[in-house]
Amino acid sequence: MSSYQIGCDYVQTFVGHPLIKGCAKYCNMTRQVAECCKGFYGPDCKPCIGGFQHPCYDKGKCLDGIHGNGSCSCHSGFEGIACHICSDPTKHGDGCDEECRCIHGVCDNRPGSGGVCRRGSCLEGFSGDYCDRKATPCNADGLLEHCHVHAFCTQTGLDTRCVCNDGYEGDGHTCSPVNLCLKNTRGGCDVNAECVYVGPGNVSCVCAEGWTGDGKVCVEINNCQLVGRGGCSPDADCNHIGPGQVS
């Protein structure tokens, strides 16, 4: 037998047999390797928690692949087997950066909870999604009405009604603090004063620089009329050019 290679053709001859001509002696071999698509894991290629399109609910990274176990490595601020809980027990929201509105209960600190209280967590005597309603007596007979914690109950005949306390606004079942600085009247502050929110229905008025008064009324300061005459020399004329300004 003799063999030789011409270019990419491999030729082999046998004594007493016809010539055999074929492919090159050495060929590439195709090998198939089992893998999982992105978002799937394990030998059976199961979808990650949250589905392959939104693994870990887009709040973490799924350990996918045929050798992965599908566990989630959560982004900062998230925790839980599916990264479905905010690390801060007082936060909620898609970015876990919104304050819970739960008052007398335990915050449901999941990203999409809306900041309500966990079901069944209200302290005794409180109710509502935010544990912010309390059974309030309406008269001497002990008739109760579930009003907001910042509300009281009134009775007219057989009808009872919840009314928000001073400094709060709402229907009595939900009451929000009033920020008078955001109202058109700006808490009664002078146009030349800053309105500072102190508490529900309570503000502080502070006259702007160059003005003086109690904040409710502010008058322009004329430094030329003060003892220091605006810092001018005794041999100079002091000219008032604006609130607290001289030349």
C-alpha atoms as a PDB file:
ATOM      1  CA  MET A   1       0.000   0.000   0.000  1.00  0.00           C
ATOM      2  CA  SER A   2       1.229   3.475  -0.753  1.00  0.00           C
ATOM      3  CA  SER A   3      -0.300   6.850   0.092  1.00  0.00           C
ATOM      4  CA  TYR A   4       0.436  10.438  -0.671  1.00  0.00           C
ATOM      5  CA  GLN A   5      -1.250  13.843  -0.386  1.00  0.00           C
ATOM      6  CA  ILE A   6      -1.808  16.246  -3.251  1.00  0.00           C
ATOM      7  CA  GLY A   7      -3.079  19.599  -2.047  1.00  0.00           C
ATOM      8  CA  CYS A   8      -6.134  18.809   0.020  1.00  0.00           C
ATOM      9  CA  ASP A   9      -6.785  15.381  -1.638  1.00  0.00           C
ATOM     10  CA  TYR A  10      -5.609  12.210   0.074  1.00  0.00           C
ATOM     11  CA  VAL A  11      -4.756   9.352  -2.354  1.00  0.00           C
ATOM     12  CA  GLN A  12      -4.315   5.716  -1.230  1.00  0.00           C
ATOM     13  CA  THR A  13      -3.395   2.718  -3.452  1.00  0.00           C
ATOM     14  CA  PHE A  14      -3.320  -1.003  -2.687  1.00  0.00           C
ATOM     15  CA  VAL A  15      -1.395  -3.644  -4.658  1.00  0.00           C
ATOM     16  CA  GLY A  16      -3.864  -5.427  -6.902  1.00  0.00           C
ATOM     17  CA  HIS A  17      -6.681  -2.967  -6.021  1.00  0.00           C
ATOM     18  CA  PRO A  18      -7.933   0.135  -7.808  1.00  0.00           C
ATOM     19  CA  LEU A  19      -6.837   3.584  -6.676  1.00  0.00           C
ATOM     20  CA  ILE A  20      -8.818   5.141  -3.809  1.00  0.00           C
ATOM     21  CA  LYS A  21      -9.074   8.894  -3.769  1.00  0.00           C
ATOM     22  CA  GLY A  22     -10.912  10.831  -1.063  1.00  0.00           C
ATOM     23  CA  CYS A  23     -10.745  13.508   1.597  1.00  0.00           C
ATOM     24  CA  ALA A  24      -7.699  14.475   3.594  1.00  0.00           C
ATOM     25  CA  LYS A  25      -6.537  11.913   6.117  1.00  0.00           C
ATOM     26  CA  TYR A  26      -7.117  14.196   9.106  1.00  0.00           C
ATOM     27  CA  CYS A  27     -10.588  15.864   9.484  1.00  0.00           C
ATOM     28  CA  ASN A  28     -12.228  18.179  12.060  1.00  0.00           C
ATOM     29  CA  MET A  29     -14.704  16.467  14.403  1.00  0.00           C
ATOM     30  CA  THR A  30     -18.027  18.115  15.374  1.00  0.00           C
ATOM     31  CA  ARG A  31     -18.853  17.814  19.075  1.00  0.00           C
ATOM     32  CA  GLN A  32     -22.208  18.803  20.598  1.00  0.00           C
ATOM     33  CA  VAL A  33     -22.254  20.415  24.070  1.00  0.00           C
ATOM     34  CA  ALA A  34     -25.518  20.798  26.033  1.00  0.00           C
ATOM     35  CA  GLU A  35     -26.138  24.363  27.257  1.00  0.00           C
ATOM     36  CA  CYS A  36     -29.070  26.423  28.596  1.00  0.00           C
ATOM     37  CA  CYS A  37     -30.287  29.652  27.043  1.00  0.00           C
ATOM     38  CA  LYS A  38     -29.931  32.830  29.116  1.00  0.00           C
ATOM     39  CA  GLY A  39     -32.515  32.947  31.910  1.00  0.00           C
ATOM     40  CA  PHE A  40     -32.694  29.148  32.276  1.00  0.00           C
ATOM     41  CA  TYR A  41     -30.770  26.898  34.641  1.00  0.00           C
ATOM     42  CA  GLY A  42     -30.012  23.288  35.626  1.00  0.00           C
ATOM     43  CA  PRO A  43     -29.878  20.014  33.656  1.00  0.00           C
ATOM     44  CA  ASP A  44     -33.547  20.472  32.672  1.00  0.00           C
ATOM     45  CA  CYS A  45     -33.055  24.169  31.796  1.00  0.00           C
ATOM     46  CA  LYS A  46     -35.822  25.479  34.040  1.00  0.00           C
ATOM     47  CA  PRO A  47     -36.701  29.212  33.848  1.00  0.00           C
ATOM     48  CA  CYS A  48     -35.246  31.448  36.581  1.00  0.00           C
ATOM     49  CA  ILE A  49     -37.484  32.900  39.289  1.00  0.00           C
ATOM     50  CA  GLY A  50     -39.516  35.681  37.710  1.00  0.00           C
ATOM     51  CA  GLY A  51     -39.300  34.094  34.249  1.00  0.00           C
ATOM     52  CA  PHE A  52     -36.496  34.085  31.696  1.00  0.00           C
ATOM     53  CA  GLN A  53     -37.418  37.567  30.431  1.00  0.00           C
ATOM     54  CA  HIS A  54     -37.279  39.149  33.917  1.00  0.00           C
ATOM     55  CA  PRO A  55     -35.048  36.859  36.000  1.00  0.00           C
ATOM     56  CA  CYS A  56     -35.109  37.705  39.702  1.00  0.00           C
ATOM     57  CA  TYR A  57     -37.802  40.276  38.784  1.00  0.00           C
ATOM     58  CA  ASP A  58     -35.011  42.501  37.409  1.00  0.00           C
ATOM     59  CA  LYS A  59     -33.888  43.167  40.985  1.00  0.00           C
ATOM     60  CA  GLY A  60     -30.899  40.802  40.878  1.00  0.00           C
ATOM     61  CA  LYS A  61     -28.838  38.403  38.754  1.00  0.00           C
ATOM     62  CA  CYS A  62     -29.886  34.755  38.271  1.00  0.00           C
ATOM     63  CA  LEU A  63     -27.231  32.049  38.499  1.00  0.00           C
ATOM     64  CA  ASP A  64     -28.316  30.497  35.198  1.00  0.00           C
ATOM     65  CA  GLY A  65     -26.713  27.988  32.837  1.00  0.00           C
ATOM     66  CA  ILE A  66     -26.770  24.200  32.837  1.00  0.00           C
ATOM     67  CA  HIS A  67     -24.537  24.136  35.912  1.00  0.00           C
ATOM     68  CA  GLY A  68     -26.409  26.970  37.699  1.00  0.00           C
ATOM     69  CA  ASN A  69     -28.881  26.495  40.539  1.00  0.00           C
ATOM     70  CA  GLY A  70     -31.225  29.384  39.671  1.00  0.00           C
ATOM     71  CA  SER A  71     -30.454  31.355  42.839  1.00  0.00           C
ATOM     72  CA  CYS A  72     -30.642  35.158  42.781  1.00  0.00           C
ATOM     73  CA  SER A  73     -27.805  37.504  43.635  1.00  0.00           C
ATOM     74  CA  CYS A  74     -29.704  40.670  44.628  1.00  0.00           C
ATOM     75  CA  HIS A  75     -28.878  44.243  43.701  1.00  0.00           C
ATOM     76  CA  SER A  76     -28.075  46.666  46.505  1.00  0.00           C
ATOM     77  CA  GLY A  77     -31.164  47.506  48.580  1.00  0.00           C
ATOM     78  CA  PHE A  78     -32.983  44.227  47.824  1.00  0.00           C
ATOM     79  CA  GLU A  79     -33.022  40.835  49.508  1.00  0.00           C
ATOM     80  CA  GLY A  80     -34.988  37.566  49.614  1.00  0.00           C
ATOM     81  CA  ILE A  81     -34.999  34.390  47.534  1.00  0.00           C
ATOM     82  CA  ALA A  82     -36.402  36.376  44.575  1.00  0.00           C
ATOM     83  CA  CYS A  83     -34.979  39.801  45.520  1.00  0.00           C
ATOM     84  CA  HIS A  84     -38.599  40.688  46.271  1.00  0.00           C
ATOM     85  CA  ILE A  85     -38.042  42.407  49.638  1.00  0.00           C
ATOM     86  CA  CYS A  86     -36.458  45.768  50.474  1.00  0.00           C
ATOM     87  CA  SER A  87     -33.429  45.484  52.755  1.00  0.00           C
ATOM     88  CA  ASP A  88     -34.669  48.495  54.749  1.00  0.00           C
ATOM     89  CA  PRO A  89     -37.811  47.430  56.681  1.00  0.00           C
ATOM     90  CA  THR A  90     -39.231  50.973  56.430  1.00  0.00           C
ATOM     91  CA  LYS A  91     -38.947  51.310  52.625  1.00  0.00           C
ATOM     92  CA  HIS A  92     -40.954  50.215  49.581  1.00  0.00           C
ATOM     93  CA  GLY A  93     -41.195  51.117  45.882  1.00  0.00           C
ATOM     94  CA  ASP A  94     -39.517  49.848  42.700  1.00  0.00           C
ATOM     95  CA  GLY A  95     -36.218  51.281  43.898  1.00  0.00           C
ATOM     96  CA  CYS A  96     -36.837  50.548  47.600  1.00  0.00           C
ATOM     97  CA  ASP A  97     -36.420  54.282  48.196  1.00  0.00           C
ATOM     98  CA  GLU A  98     -39.942  55.335  49.252  1.00  0.00           C
ATOM     99  CA  GLU A  99     -41.013  55.685  52.894  1.00  0.00           C
ATOM    100  CA  CYS A 100     -43.710  53.290  54.121  1.00  0.00           C
ATOM    101  CA  ARG A 101     -46.943  54.968  55.215  1.00  0.00           C
ATOM    102  CA  CYS A 102     -47.768  52.254  57.744  1.00  0.00           C
ATOM    103  CA  ILE A 103     -48.306  53.933  61.146  1.00  0.00           C
ATOM    104  CA  HIS A 104     -49.321  51.459  63.868  1.00  0.00           C
ATOM    105  CA  GLY A 105     -48.226  48.199  62.245  1.00  0.00           C
ATOM    106  CA  VAL A 106     -45.415  46.474  60.347  1.00  0.00           C
ATOM    107  CA  CYS A 107     -44.527  47.875  56.923  1.00  0.00           C
ATOM    108  CA  ASP A 108     -45.005  45.589  53.941  1.00  0.00           C
ATOM    109  CA  ASN A 109     -41.547  46.366  52.559  1.00  0.00           C
ATOM    110  CA  ARG A 110     -41.949  44.643  49.209  1.00  0.00           C
ATOM    111  CA  PRO A 111     -41.188  46.847  46.164  1.00  0.00           C
ATOM    112  CA  GLY A 112     -44.783  46.869  44.857  1.00  0.00           C
ATOM    113  CA  SER A 113     -46.698  46.981  48.144  1.00  0.00           C
ATOM    114  CA  GLY A 114     -47.620  50.663  48.013  1.00  0.00           C
ATOM    115  CA  GLY A 115     -46.254  51.183  51.519  1.00  0.00           C
ATOM    116  CA  VAL A 116     -49.186  49.582  53.354  1.00  0.00           C
ATOM    117  CA  CYS A 117     -48.920  47.542  56.559  1.00  0.00           C
ATOM    118  CA  ARG A 118     -48.503  43.779  56.486  1.00  0.00           C
ATOM    119  CA  ARG A 119     -51.892  42.097  56.833  1.00  0.00           C
ATOM    120  CA  GLY A 120     -52.699  41.302  60.452  1.00  0.00           C
ATOM    121  CA  SER A 121     -49.879  43.467  61.840  1.00  0.00           C
ATOM    122  CA  CYS A 122     -51.993  46.367  63.197  1.00  0.00           C
ATOM    123  CA  LEU A 123     -51.597  47.031  66.899  1.00  0.00           C
ATOM    124  CA  GLU A 124     -54.671  46.385  69.040  1.00  0.00           C
ATOM    125  CA  GLY A 125     -57.333  49.004  68.516  1.00  0.00           C
ATOM    126  CA  PHE A 126     -56.085  50.078  65.070  1.00  0.00           C
ATOM    127  CA  SER A 127     -57.306  49.108  61.603  1.00  0.00           C
ATOM    128  CA  GLY A 128     -57.066  50.062  57.932  1.00  0.00           C
ATOM    129  CA  ASP A 129     -54.467  49.440  55.231  1.00  0.00           C
ATOM    130  CA  TYR A 130     -52.018  51.716  57.048  1.00  0.00           C
ATOM    131  CA  CYS A 131     -53.164  50.795  60.581  1.00  0.00           C
ATOM    132  CA  ASP A 132     -54.176  54.440  60.866  1.00  0.00           C
ATOM    133  CA  ARG A 133     -57.816  54.089  61.942  1.00  0.00           C
ATOM    134  CA  LYS A 134     -58.946  53.776  65.535  1.00  0.00           C
ATOM    135  CA  ALA A 135     -62.308  52.980  67.087  1.00  0.00           C
ATOM    136  CA  THR A 136     -63.481  56.318  68.461  1.00  0.00           C
ATOM    137  CA  PRO A 137     -66.513  56.787  70.762  1.00  0.00           C
ATOM    138  CA  CYS A 138     -69.083  59.199  69.397  1.00  0.00           C
ATOM    139  CA  ASN A 139     -71.294  59.752  72.442  1.00  0.00           C
ATOM    140  CA  ALA A 140     -71.948  58.693  76.014  1.00  0.00           C
ATOM    141  CA  ASP A 141     -73.643  55.502  74.760  1.00  0.00           C
ATOM    142  CA  GLY A 142     -70.256  54.215  73.606  1.00  0.00           C
ATOM    143  CA  LEU A 143     -71.151  54.087  69.906  1.00  0.00           C
ATOM    144  CA  LEU A 144     -67.871  53.612  68.024  1.00  0.00           C
ATOM    145  CA  GLU A 145     -66.759  54.815  64.616  1.00  0.00           C
ATOM    146  CA  HIS A 146     -63.469  53.786  62.983  1.00  0.00           C
ATOM    147  CA  CYS A 147     -61.929  57.173  62.285  1.00  0.00           C
ATOM    148  CA  HIS A 148     -58.384  58.094  61.302  1.00  0.00           C
ATOM    149  CA  VAL A 149     -55.965  58.540  64.212  1.00  0.00           C
ATOM    150  CA  HIS A 150     -55.905  62.266  63.415  1.00  0.00           C
ATOM    151  CA  ALA A 151     -59.703  62.582  63.404  1.00  0.00           C
ATOM    152  CA  PHE A 152     -62.609  62.635  65.835  1.00  0.00           C
ATOM    153  CA  CYS A 153     -66.183  61.419  65.583  1.00  0.00           C
ATOM    154  CA  THR A 154     -69.304  63.575  65.706  1.00  0.00           C
ATOM    155  CA  GLN A 155     -72.918  62.488  65.855  1.00  0.00           C
ATOM    156  CA  THR A 156     -76.013  64.214  64.521  1.00  0.00           C
ATOM    157  CA  GLY A 157     -79.135  62.258  65.316  1.00  0.00           C
ATOM    158  CA  LEU A 158     -78.433  58.700  64.228  1.00  0.00           C
ATOM    159  CA  ASP A 159     -75.701  59.707  61.800  1.00  0.00           C
ATOM    160  CA  THR A 160     -72.033  59.600  62.799  1.00  0.00           C
ATOM    161  CA  ARG A 161     -69.223  61.290  60.918  1.00  0.00           C
ATOM    162  CA  CYS A 162     -65.431  61.366  61.164  1.00  0.00           C
ATOM    163  CA  VAL A 163     -63.821  64.815  61.015  1.00  0.00           C
ATOM    164  CA  CYS A 164     -60.092  65.468  60.656  1.00  0.00           C
ATOM    165  CA  ASN A 165     -58.370  67.316  63.489  1.00  0.00           C
ATOM    166  CA  ASP A 166     -57.160  70.888  63.055  1.00  0.00           C
ATOM    167  CA  GLY A 167     -54.072  70.919  60.847  1.00  0.00           C
ATOM    168  CA  TYR A 168     -55.241  67.904  58.827  1.00  0.00           C
ATOM    169  CA  GLU A 169     -57.477  67.513  55.800  1.00  0.00           C
ATOM    170  CA  GLY A 170     -59.422  64.575  54.364  1.00  0.00           C
ATOM    171  CA  ASP A 171     -62.671  62.680  54.809  1.00  0.00           C
ATOM    172  CA  GLY A 172     -62.008  61.646  58.413  1.00  0.00           C
ATOM    173  CA  HIS A 173     -61.119  58.089  57.417  1.00  0.00           C
ATOM    174  CA  THR A 174     -57.973  59.378  55.736  1.00  0.00           C
ATOM    175  CA  CYS A 175     -56.340  62.554  57.045  1.00  0.00           C
ATOM    176  CA  SER A 176     -53.181  64.201  55.714  1.00  0.00           C
ATOM    177  CA  PRO A 177     -51.193  66.978  57.386  1.00  0.00           C
ATOM    178  CA  VAL A 178     -51.843  70.405  55.928  1.00  0.00           C
ATOM    179  CA  ASN A 179     -48.782  72.314  54.706  1.00  0.00           C
ATOM    180  CA  LEU A 180     -49.985  75.905  54.713  1.00  0.00           C
ATOM    181  CA  CYS A 181     -46.820  76.997  52.883  1.00  0.00           C
ATOM    182  CA  LEU A 182     -48.126  75.192  49.785  1.00  0.00           C
ATOM    183  CA  LYS A 183     -51.473  77.008  49.887  1.00  0.00           C
ATOM    184  CA  ASN A 184     -52.154  80.208  47.955  1.00  0.00           C
ATOM    185  CA  THR A 185     -52.066  82.221  51.198  1.00  0.00           C
ATOM    186  CA  ARG A 186     -48.588  80.806  52.099  1.00  0.00           C
ATOM    187  CA  GLY A 187     -49.632  80.523  55.738  1.00  0.00           C
ATOM    188  CA  GLY A 188     -50.317  84.257  55.959  1.00  0.00           C
ATOM    189  CA  CYS A 189     -46.634  85.120  55.437  1.00  0.00           C
ATOM    190  CA  ASP A 190     -45.642  88.463  53.915  1.00  0.00           C
ATOM    191  CA  VAL A 191     -44.697  88.433  50.244  1.00  0.00           C
ATOM    192  CA  ASN A 192     -41.164  89.334  51.342  1.00  0.00           C
ATOM    193  CA  ALA A 193     -40.934  86.503  53.872  1.00  0.00           C
ATOM    194  CA  GLU A 194     -40.068  82.826  53.641  1.00  0.00           C
ATOM    195  CA  CYS A 195     -42.713  80.332  54.777  1.00  0.00           C
ATOM    196  CA  VAL A 196     -41.229  77.441  56.795  1.00  0.00           C
ATOM    197  CA  TYR A 197     -43.320  74.300  57.476  1.00  0.00           C
ATOM    198  CA  VAL A 198     -43.222  73.502  61.221  1.00  0.00           C
ATOM    199  CA  GLY A 199     -46.003  70.898  61.541  1.00  0.00           C
ATOM    200  CA  PRO A 200     -49.592  70.122  60.488  1.00  0.00           C
ATOM    201  CA  GLY A 201     -51.298  73.479  60.017  1.00  0.00           C
ATOM    202  CA  ASN A 202     -48.341  75.273  61.605  1.00  0.00           C
ATOM    203  CA  VAL A 203     -45.770  77.458  59.823  1.00  0.00           C
ATOM    204  CA  SER A 204     -43.107  79.981  60.670  1.00  0.00           C
ATOM    205  CA  CYS A 205     -42.684  83.194  58.683  1.00  0.00           C
ATOM    206  CA  VAL A 206     -39.185  84.658  58.390  1.00  0.00           C
ATOM    207  CA  CYS A 207     -38.529  87.999  56.694  1.00  0.00           C
ATOM    208  CA  ALA A 208     -36.081  87.862  53.794  1.00  0.00           C
ATOM    209  CA  GLU A 209     -32.641  89.469  54.002  1.00  0.00           C
ATOM    210  CA  GLY A 210     -32.923  93.250  53.880  1.00  0.00           C
ATOM    211  CA  TRP A 211     -36.383  93.173  55.454  1.00  0.00           C
ATOM    212  CA  THR A 212     -37.489  93.214  59.076  1.00  0.00           C
ATOM    213  CA  GLY A 213     -40.669  92.321  60.951  1.00  0.00           C
ATOM    214  CA  ASP A 214     -42.500  89.302  62.359  1.00  0.00           C
ATOM    215  CA  GLY A 215     -42.795  87.520  58.999  1.00  0.00           C
ATOM    216  CA  LYS A 216     -46.476  88.276  58.751  1.00  0.00           C
ATOM    217  CA  VAL A 217     -45.518  91.882  58.002  1.00  0.00           C
ATOM    218  CA  CYS A 218     -42.066  92.774  56.649  1.00  0.00           C
ATOM    219  CA  VAL A 219     -40.749  96.294  56.044  1.00  0.00           C
ATOM    220  CA  GLU A 220     -37.719  97.329  54.059  1.00  0.00           C
ATOM    221  CA  ILE A 221     -34.551  98.041  56.051  1.00  0.00           C
ATOM    222  CA  ASN A 222     -32.961 101.447  55.362  1.00  0.00           C
ATOM    223  CA  ASN A 223     -29.407 101.112  56.645  1.00  0.00           C
ATOM    224  CA  CYS A 224     -28.814 104.824  56.179  1.00  0.00           C
ATOM    225  CA  GLN A 225     -31.218 105.480  59.067  1.00  0.00           C
ATOM    226  CA  LEU A 226     -29.399 103.113  61.410  1.00  0.00           C
ATOM    227  CA  VAL A 227     -26.620 104.145  63.805  1.00  0.00           C
ATOM    228  CA  GLY A 228     -23.921 102.608  61.619  1.00  0.00           C
ATOM    229  CA  ARG A 229     -25.262 104.373  58.484  1.00  0.00           C
ATOM    230  CA  GLY A 230     -24.616 101.229  56.427  1.00  0.00           C
ATOM    231  CA  GLY A 231     -20.866 101.413  57.131  1.00  0.00           C
ATOM    232  CA  CYS A 232     -20.463 104.755  55.368  1.00  0.00           C
ATOM    233  CA  SER A 233     -17.805 107.225  56.512  1.00  0.00           C
ATOM    234  CA  PRO A 234     -18.957 110.271  58.522  1.00  0.00           C
ATOM    235  CA  ASP A 235     -17.632 112.349  55.601  1.00  0.00           C
ATOM    236  CA  ALA A 236     -19.687 110.462  52.989  1.00  0.00           C
ATOM    237  CA  ASP A 237     -23.300 110.646  51.884  1.00  0.00           C
ATOM    238  CA  CYS A 238     -25.325 107.429  52.518  1.00  0.00           C
ATOM    239  CA  ASN A 239     -27.709 106.603  49.683  1.00  0.00           C
ATOM    240  CA  HIS A 240     -30.385 103.936  50.195  1.00  0.00           C
ATOM    241  CA  ILE A 241     -30.588 101.846  47.010  1.00  0.00           C
ATOM    242  CA  GLY A 242     -32.592  98.828  48.142  1.00  0.00           C
ATOM    243  CA  PRO A 243     -33.544  96.594  51.087  1.00  0.00           C
ATOM    244  CA  GLY A 244     -30.496  96.564  53.356  1.00  0.00           C
ATOM    245  CA  GLN A 245     -28.321  98.058  50.563  1.00  0.00           C
ATOM    246  CA  VAL A 246     -26.563 101.406  50.463  1.00  0.00           C
ATOM    247  CA  SER A 247     -23.950 103.229  48.430  1.00  0.00           C
END
